[in-house]
Amino acid sequence: MGGSVVSKNVSSHKDKKYGTIRSRFAHFLKFLQSHSLKHDQFLSLPQSSQDYVSACYAESLVRGNTIKQQDISLNTIFHYLKDAGIHKRPHPLYPSRLPTYPPLLDSVLLEYKRWQSVPNRRHPVTISMLNSLYQTQKSLHQDSYLSALFDWLVVGMQTGQRKSEWCQDLPNFKKTQKVALSVQSTPLAFIADDFVLSSKPIPSSSNISSDHPPPHFNYLTITWRFQKNGQNGQAVSFSHDYANPHLSVVAAAERILLRAQRLHQPHHLPLAVYAQPKQTTPSYIFHTQVQSSLRAIAKKVYKLTDPSHIQKYSCHSIRVGACVLLHSAGADTLTIKFRLRWRSDSFMEYLRNTPRLASLHTQIISSKNTDVLCL
């Protein structure tokens, strides 16, 4: 029986050496033996019992009990499972869906995936990085790439926007010459109708700076037509930052809309565009550009030289930065989840240890009377 499993795997893994597959299958047999099971006995178990044993085997691999007794990647674990004859299978209720591992095994793999991602967490975009870019783009044309990037980073630091919600994926665009579309054949990224500017009464508590003229608008409502979390059509409102007008999401949104108008960007197409010299049509902002720019800004601001640190800046750093900014300001869990559109507590993985948190901690402690009688 074992030989037939290995033979099938060899034929389906022609790029794999026979010895590797044989070693992995033998490793699975050794695992079964350690639990007083033979392979034929394992195959004769009810499906639920086989699934339980498979999950235990995956857990053993996760703990480093591999052929060389070392940690391996999630992708390698998939190969271990396949070479042991453990395969994905169709959903019993939805056979048209893609095959999946049984729930218990899948939960082990999902948790390992989350654990492996911790060391590779993206560094957050910071206010210092925004201020640096602001100074750079001040001398450039208002429709230049860096000017457009600055506006979108300002928006991102308040909205926690995902990559697909504003910029384009370069490989996909090169392949199709079209922007990314939703299931309804409309752009995934923001279009003009998603940004609504308005004017509201100014709160008496607003710290208005006299160095800047009053804004044309002081209120912005953004609608997410499509979202990764399934909450399509969600609208979130933002107000003008009177204390730091250059970092105002409302002013940035107005500049984005005006830029699209100047460049004659069609109303139904994505807003994240800029002007290139000697080019008559607007250019889209691609995620590869953003990644390169963020890494260059971070190197400049934080004097980074270690490539492993520099590479931890990407488009996702914008969403991480928005989360860290709210958390450092003392926002509670509900506020972070609601304002940045999370339905779970997965944002906790993005939180960072910051000097502002240390200061806030001290303020909280010093303002409380802990001299109480404990009975």
Protein backbone atom coordinates (compact mmCIF):
# COMPACT_ATOMS: atom_id res chain seq x y z
CA MET A 1 0.00 0.00 0.00
CA GLY A 2 2.78 2.43 0.94
CA GLY A 3 4.57 1.78 -2.33
CA SER A 4 1.50 2.79 -4.37
CA VAL A 5 1.27 6.11 -2.48
CA VAL A 6 4.90 6.90 -3.22
CA SER A 7 4.47 5.90 -6.88
CA LYS A 8 1.50 8.24 -7.31
CA ASN A 9 3.38 11.09 -5.72
CA VAL A 10 6.44 10.51 -7.89
CA SER A 11 4.30 10.67 -11.03
CA SER A 12 2.63 13.89 -9.84
CA HIS A 13 5.90 15.47 -8.71
CA LYS A 14 8.14 14.92 -11.71
CA ASP A 15 10.29 17.85 -10.67
CA LYS A 16 10.93 16.23 -7.30
CA LYS A 17 13.56 13.64 -6.71
CA TYR A 18 12.29 10.22 -5.84
CA GLY A 19 14.53 10.11 -2.79
CA THR A 20 12.95 13.22 -1.26
CA ILE A 21 9.42 11.88 -1.64
CA ARG A 22 10.46 8.48 -0.33
CA SER A 23 12.13 10.04 2.69
CA ARG A 24 9.06 12.13 3.51
CA PHE A 25 6.75 9.14 3.19
CA ALA A 26 9.05 7.12 5.45
CA HIS A 27 8.97 10.01 7.92
CA PHE A 28 5.17 9.79 7.99
CA LEU A 29 5.35 6.02 8.55
CA LYS A 30 7.72 6.64 11.47
CA PHE A 31 5.21 9.12 12.93
CA LEU A 32 2.41 6.54 12.65
CA GLN A 33 4.63 3.91 14.26
CA SER A 34 5.34 6.21 17.19
CA HIS A 35 1.58 6.20 17.80
CA SER A 36 1.27 2.40 17.41
CA LEU A 37 -0.26 2.62 13.95
CA LYS A 38 0.62 0.95 10.69
CA HIS A 39 -0.16 2.61 7.38
CA ASP A 40 -2.87 0.05 6.48
CA GLN A 41 -4.48 0.63 9.87
CA PHE A 42 -4.40 4.38 9.31
CA LEU A 43 -6.17 3.99 5.96
CA SER A 44 -8.82 1.74 7.50
CA LEU A 45 -9.77 4.37 10.12
CA PRO A 46 -12.96 6.43 9.68
CA GLN A 47 -12.38 9.65 7.76
CA SER A 48 -12.77 11.77 10.90
CA SER A 49 -10.09 9.72 12.66
CA GLN A 50 -7.75 10.00 9.67
CA ASP A 51 -8.27 13.76 9.72
CA TYR A 52 -7.38 13.88 13.40
CA VAL A 53 -4.17 11.89 12.83
CA SER A 54 -3.30 14.14 9.86
CA ALA A 55 -3.74 17.23 12.02
CA CYS A 56 -1.51 15.70 14.69
CA TYR A 57 1.14 15.00 12.04
CA ALA A 58 0.99 18.60 10.85
CA GLU A 59 1.31 19.79 14.45
CA SER A 60 4.38 17.57 14.83
CA LEU A 61 5.94 19.12 11.70
CA VAL A 62 5.16 22.61 12.97
CA ARG A 63 7.06 21.82 16.17
CA GLY A 64 10.16 20.98 14.15
CA ASN A 65 9.84 17.20 14.14
CA THR A 66 10.94 16.98 10.51
CA ILE A 67 13.48 14.77 8.73
CA LYS A 68 16.35 17.07 9.69
CA GLN A 69 14.76 18.13 12.98
CA GLN A 70 14.51 21.78 11.98
CA ASP A 71 11.83 24.39 11.37
CA ILE A 72 10.41 24.43 7.85
CA SER A 73 8.21 26.81 5.87
CA LEU A 74 4.47 26.39 5.43
CA ASN A 75 4.99 25.54 1.77
CA THR A 76 7.36 22.72 2.71
CA ILE A 77 4.77 21.39 5.16
CA PHE A 78 2.32 21.20 2.25
CA HIS A 79 4.85 19.01 0.41
CA TYR A 80 5.33 16.81 3.49
CA LEU A 81 1.56 16.26 3.65
CA LYS A 82 1.22 15.54 -0.06
CA ASP A 83 4.14 13.10 -0.01
CA ALA A 84 2.45 11.33 2.91
CA GLY A 85 -0.70 10.88 0.82
CA ILE A 86 -2.64 13.59 2.70
CA HIS A 87 -4.47 15.68 0.12
CA LYS A 88 -7.04 18.43 -0.04
CA ARG A 89 -10.55 17.33 -0.92
CA PRO A 90 -13.78 18.95 -2.12
CA HIS A 91 -16.13 20.52 0.40
CA PRO A 92 -18.96 18.03 1.17
CA LEU A 93 -21.65 20.75 0.88
CA TYR A 94 -20.06 22.91 -1.81
CA PRO A 95 -18.26 20.55 -4.23
CA SER A 96 -17.82 23.35 -6.78
CA ARG A 97 -15.46 25.21 -4.46
CA LEU A 98 -11.71 24.66 -4.50
CA PRO A 99 -10.56 21.59 -2.53
CA THR A 100 -9.42 22.26 1.03
CA TYR A 101 -7.88 20.41 3.93
CA PRO A 102 -10.29 19.17 6.62
CA PRO A 103 -11.11 21.86 9.25
CA LEU A 104 -8.89 20.56 12.07
CA LEU A 105 -5.83 20.22 9.83
CA ASP A 106 -6.58 23.55 8.18
CA SER A 107 -6.71 25.30 11.57
CA VAL A 108 -3.23 23.99 12.43
CA LEU A 109 -1.83 25.25 9.12
CA LEU A 110 -3.57 28.62 9.42
CA GLU A 111 -2.16 29.23 12.87
CA TYR A 112 1.33 28.29 11.67
CA LYS A 113 0.94 30.72 8.77
CA ARG A 114 0.04 33.50 11.21
CA TRP A 115 2.97 32.61 13.47
CA GLN A 116 5.45 32.58 10.59
CA SER A 117 4.29 36.01 9.44
CA VAL A 118 5.23 37.71 12.74
CA PRO A 119 8.98 38.16 11.99
CA ASN A 120 8.08 39.50 8.54
CA ARG A 121 5.62 42.12 9.73
CA ARG A 122 5.84 45.33 7.78
CA HIS A 123 7.26 48.44 9.37
CA PRO A 124 4.73 51.28 9.64
CA VAL A 125 4.72 54.51 7.70
CA THR A 126 5.22 57.33 10.24
CA ILE A 127 4.42 61.02 10.51
CA SER A 128 8.16 61.73 10.26
CA MET A 129 8.20 60.00 6.88
CA LEU A 130 5.19 62.04 5.74
CA ASN A 131 6.81 65.29 6.87
CA SER A 132 9.99 64.41 4.99
CA LEU A 133 8.06 63.69 1.79
CA TYR A 134 6.07 66.90 2.28
CA GLN A 135 9.26 68.97 2.26
CA THR A 136 10.54 67.15 -0.84
CA GLN A 137 7.40 67.53 -2.94
CA LYS A 138 6.85 71.22 -2.07
CA SER A 139 9.26 72.26 -4.81
CA LEU A 140 7.79 69.87 -7.40
CA HIS A 141 4.85 70.24 -9.75
CA GLN A 142 1.51 69.66 -8.06
CA ASP A 143 0.76 66.80 -10.45
CA SER A 144 4.13 65.06 -10.05
CA TYR A 145 4.41 61.50 -8.78
CA LEU A 146 5.79 62.49 -5.36
CA SER A 147 3.10 65.13 -4.88
CA ALA A 148 0.43 62.55 -5.68
CA LEU A 149 2.11 59.98 -3.45
CA PHE A 150 2.18 62.43 -0.54
CA ASP A 151 -1.56 63.06 -0.85
CA TRP A 152 -2.34 59.34 -0.93
CA LEU A 153 -0.11 58.63 2.07
CA VAL A 154 -1.93 61.34 4.03
CA VAL A 155 -5.23 59.69 3.13
CA GLY A 156 -3.82 56.26 3.96
CA MET A 157 -2.59 57.26 7.41
CA GLN A 158 -6.18 58.07 8.37
CA THR A 159 -8.08 55.45 6.41
CA GLY A 160 -5.70 52.49 6.60
CA GLN A 161 -6.34 51.82 2.92
CA ARG A 162 -5.34 48.53 1.39
CA LYS A 163 -3.22 48.36 -1.77
CA SER A 164 -6.11 47.30 -4.02
CA GLU A 165 -8.21 50.21 -2.77
CA TRP A 166 -6.08 52.90 -4.38
CA CYS A 167 -3.10 51.79 -6.52
CA GLN A 168 -2.61 49.23 -9.25
CA ASP A 169 -0.72 45.93 -9.34
CA LEU A 170 1.99 46.32 -11.99
CA PRO A 171 2.26 42.68 -13.22
CA ASN A 172 -1.52 42.40 -13.67
CA PHE A 173 -1.71 45.76 -15.43
CA LYS A 174 1.10 44.83 -17.81
CA LYS A 175 -0.66 41.58 -18.61
CA THR A 176 -4.14 43.01 -19.21
CA GLN A 177 -3.55 46.74 -19.80
CA LYS A 178 -6.59 47.26 -17.58
CA VAL A 179 -7.10 48.41 -14.01
CA ALA A 180 -8.10 45.81 -11.41
CA LEU A 181 -11.84 45.22 -11.54
CA SER A 182 -14.41 43.94 -9.08
CA VAL A 183 -16.91 41.17 -9.78
CA GLN A 184 -19.23 43.91 -11.04
CA SER A 185 -16.63 45.05 -13.61
CA THR A 186 -16.02 48.37 -11.87
CA PRO A 187 -12.60 49.46 -10.54
CA LEU A 188 -11.51 48.09 -7.19
CA ALA A 189 -9.60 51.32 -6.49
CA PHE A 190 -11.24 54.58 -5.45
CA ILE A 191 -12.98 56.61 -8.13
CA ALA A 192 -14.21 60.20 -7.94
CA ASP A 193 -17.68 59.28 -6.67
CA ASP A 194 -16.14 57.57 -3.63
CA PHE A 195 -14.85 60.89 -2.24
CA VAL A 196 -17.48 63.43 -1.13
CA LEU A 197 -16.27 66.79 0.22
CA SER A 198 -18.49 69.13 2.22
CA SER A 199 -18.43 71.95 4.75
CA LYS A 200 -19.62 71.59 8.34
CA PRO A 201 -19.72 74.07 11.25
CA ILE A 202 -16.25 74.41 12.78
CA PRO A 203 -16.08 72.94 16.30
CA SER A 204 -15.16 75.52 18.94
CA SER A 205 -12.46 73.17 20.21
CA SER A 206 -10.60 73.14 16.87
CA ASN A 207 -7.02 74.36 17.09
CA ILE A 208 -7.01 76.62 14.04
CA SER A 209 -3.61 77.66 12.73
CA SER A 210 -3.33 81.25 11.53
CA ASP A 211 -0.46 80.30 9.20
CA HIS A 212 -2.79 78.67 6.69
CA PRO A 213 -5.87 80.00 4.90
CA PRO A 214 -9.21 78.40 5.76
CA PRO A 215 -9.93 75.29 3.69
CA HIS A 216 -12.52 75.12 0.94
CA PHE A 217 -13.97 72.06 2.64
CA ASN A 218 -13.57 70.69 6.14
CA TYR A 219 -15.37 67.36 5.92
CA LEU A 220 -14.80 64.23 3.83
CA THR A 221 -16.86 61.06 3.47
CA ILE A 222 -15.22 58.08 1.78
CA THR A 223 -17.23 55.10 0.56
CA TRP A 224 -15.63 51.69 0.10
CA ARG A 225 -17.64 50.08 -2.68
CA PHE A 226 -15.76 46.80 -2.26
CA GLN A 227 -13.78 45.53 0.71
CA LYS A 228 -11.72 42.50 1.60
CA ASN A 229 -13.83 42.03 4.75
CA GLY A 230 -17.07 41.91 2.74
CA GLN A 231 -18.50 45.14 4.17
CA ASN A 232 -19.16 46.65 0.76
CA GLY A 233 -20.63 50.14 0.66
CA GLN A 234 -19.23 51.15 4.05
CA ALA A 235 -18.84 54.93 4.47
CA VAL A 236 -16.47 56.62 6.94
CA SER A 237 -16.21 60.37 7.55
CA PHE A 238 -13.15 62.50 8.35
CA SER A 239 -12.65 66.11 9.38
CA HIS A 240 -10.03 68.72 8.49
CA ASP A 241 -6.90 68.94 10.65
CA TYR A 242 -6.71 72.61 11.62
CA ALA A 243 -3.61 72.12 13.78
CA ASN A 244 -1.62 70.43 10.98
CA PRO A 245 -3.27 71.45 7.70
CA HIS A 246 -0.56 69.86 5.55
CA LEU A 247 -1.53 66.49 7.02
CA SER A 248 -5.28 67.01 6.60
CA VAL A 249 -7.00 64.09 4.90
CA VAL A 250 -9.71 66.45 3.68
CA ALA A 251 -7.22 68.78 1.96
CA ALA A 252 -5.36 65.78 0.51
CA ALA A 253 -8.60 64.36 -0.91
CA GLU A 254 -9.42 67.72 -2.50
CA ARG A 255 -5.98 67.84 -4.15
CA ILE A 256 -6.47 64.28 -5.42
CA LEU A 257 -9.81 65.16 -7.01
CA LEU A 258 -8.46 68.37 -8.56
CA ARG A 259 -5.43 66.52 -9.93
CA ALA A 260 -7.68 63.95 -11.61
CA GLN A 261 -9.69 66.77 -13.17
CA ARG A 262 -6.60 68.58 -14.45
CA LEU A 263 -5.30 65.39 -15.99
CA HIS A 264 -8.71 64.65 -17.56
CA GLN A 265 -8.95 61.31 -15.81
CA PRO A 266 -12.35 59.78 -16.68
CA HIS A 267 -14.78 59.95 -13.78
CA HIS A 268 -15.31 56.19 -13.66
CA LEU A 269 -11.59 55.27 -13.51
CA PRO A 270 -9.22 55.16 -10.47
CA LEU A 271 -8.14 58.43 -8.86
CA ALA A 272 -4.53 57.55 -8.04
CA VAL A 273 -2.89 59.17 -11.06
CA TYR A 274 -0.10 61.64 -11.78
CA ALA A 275 1.51 63.39 -14.75
CA GLN A 276 4.69 62.20 -16.42
CA PRO A 277 6.77 64.58 -18.54
CA LYS A 278 6.04 64.42 -22.28
CA GLN A 279 3.06 62.13 -21.73
CA THR A 280 -0.42 63.28 -22.66
CA THR A 281 -2.37 60.73 -20.63
CA PRO A 282 -2.25 60.34 -16.83
CA SER A 283 -0.16 57.55 -15.33
CA TYR A 284 -1.42 55.22 -12.63
CA ILE A 285 0.44 54.76 -9.37
CA PHE A 286 1.70 51.17 -9.10
CA HIS A 287 2.43 49.25 -5.92
CA THR A 288 6.07 48.71 -6.95
CA GLN A 289 6.61 52.47 -7.17
CA VAL A 290 5.10 52.97 -3.73
CA GLN A 291 7.26 50.24 -2.22
CA SER A 292 10.46 51.70 -3.67
CA SER A 293 9.51 55.21 -2.55
CA LEU A 294 8.66 54.19 1.01
CA ARG A 295 11.97 52.34 1.33
CA ALA A 296 13.88 55.38 0.04
CA ILE A 297 12.06 57.70 2.45
CA ALA A 298 12.63 55.36 5.39
CA LYS A 299 16.36 55.10 4.55
CA LYS A 300 16.61 58.88 4.49
CA VAL A 301 14.60 59.58 7.66
CA TYR A 302 15.90 56.74 9.83
CA LYS A 303 19.40 56.36 8.31
CA LEU A 304 18.73 52.69 7.56
CA THR A 305 21.50 50.56 6.10
CA ASP A 306 20.40 47.00 6.93
CA PRO A 307 18.59 45.56 3.86
CA SER A 308 16.43 43.32 6.07
CA HIS A 309 14.95 46.41 7.76
CA ILE A 310 14.58 48.41 4.55
CA GLN A 311 12.70 45.56 2.86
CA LYS A 312 10.03 45.63 5.56
CA TYR A 313 8.47 48.70 3.98
CA SER A 314 5.78 48.04 1.38
CA CYS A 315 2.28 49.21 0.44
CA HIS A 316 0.98 47.38 3.50
CA SER A 317 3.10 49.68 5.69
CA ILE A 318 0.45 52.35 5.14
CA ARG A 319 -2.27 50.28 6.83
CA VAL A 320 0.14 49.29 9.58
CA GLY A 321 1.04 52.96 10.10
CA ALA A 322 -2.61 53.98 10.41
CA CYS A 323 -3.15 51.30 13.05
CA VAL A 324 -0.03 52.22 15.04
CA LEU A 325 -0.93 55.92 14.89
CA LEU A 326 -4.39 55.40 16.39
CA HIS A 327 -3.13 52.96 19.01
CA SER A 328 -0.29 55.26 20.06
CA ALA A 329 -2.80 58.08 20.51
CA GLY A 330 -4.73 55.97 23.01
CA ALA A 331 -7.58 54.77 20.76
CA ASP A 332 -9.43 51.78 22.15
CA THR A 333 -9.93 48.49 20.34
CA LEU A 334 -13.45 49.32 19.14
CA THR A 335 -12.32 52.67 17.69
CA ILE A 336 -9.41 51.10 15.80
CA LYS A 337 -11.59 48.32 14.39
CA PHE A 338 -14.39 50.68 13.36
CA ARG A 339 -12.29 53.50 11.93
CA LEU A 340 -9.89 51.22 10.03
CA ARG A 341 -12.57 48.72 8.99
CA TRP A 342 -11.53 45.53 10.76
CA ARG A 343 -14.07 42.87 11.68
CA SER A 344 -11.68 40.86 13.85
CA ASP A 345 -8.85 41.55 16.29
CA SER A 346 -6.18 40.73 13.69
CA PHE A 347 -5.00 44.35 13.84
CA MET A 348 -3.29 43.42 17.13
CA GLU A 349 -0.49 41.90 15.03
CA TYR A 350 0.32 45.37 13.68
CA LEU A 351 0.81 47.14 17.01
CA ARG A 352 4.30 48.35 17.84
CA ASN A 353 6.23 49.54 20.87
CA THR A 354 6.54 53.33 20.45
CA PRO A 355 7.88 56.22 22.57
CA ARG A 356 4.43 57.81 22.46
CA LEU A 357 2.91 54.71 24.04
CA ALA A 358 5.51 54.87 26.81
CA SER A 359 4.58 58.51 27.47
CA LEU A 360 0.86 57.74 27.38
CA HIS A 361 1.36 54.86 29.81
CA THR A 362 3.11 57.19 32.24
CA GLN A 363 0.34 59.79 31.95
CA ILE A 364 -2.34 57.21 32.64
CA ILE A 365 -0.55 55.84 35.67
CA SER A 366 0.28 59.26 37.15
CA SER A 367 -3.28 60.46 36.76
CA LYS A 368 -4.83 57.61 38.73
CA ASN A 369 -5.05 57.30 42.47
CA THR A 370 -3.74 53.87 43.30
CA ASP A 371 -3.63 54.48 47.02
CA VAL A 372 -6.70 52.41 47.78
CA LEU A 373 -7.43 49.95 50.51
CA CYS A 374 -7.48 46.37 49.27
CA LEU A 375 -9.68 44.21 51.48
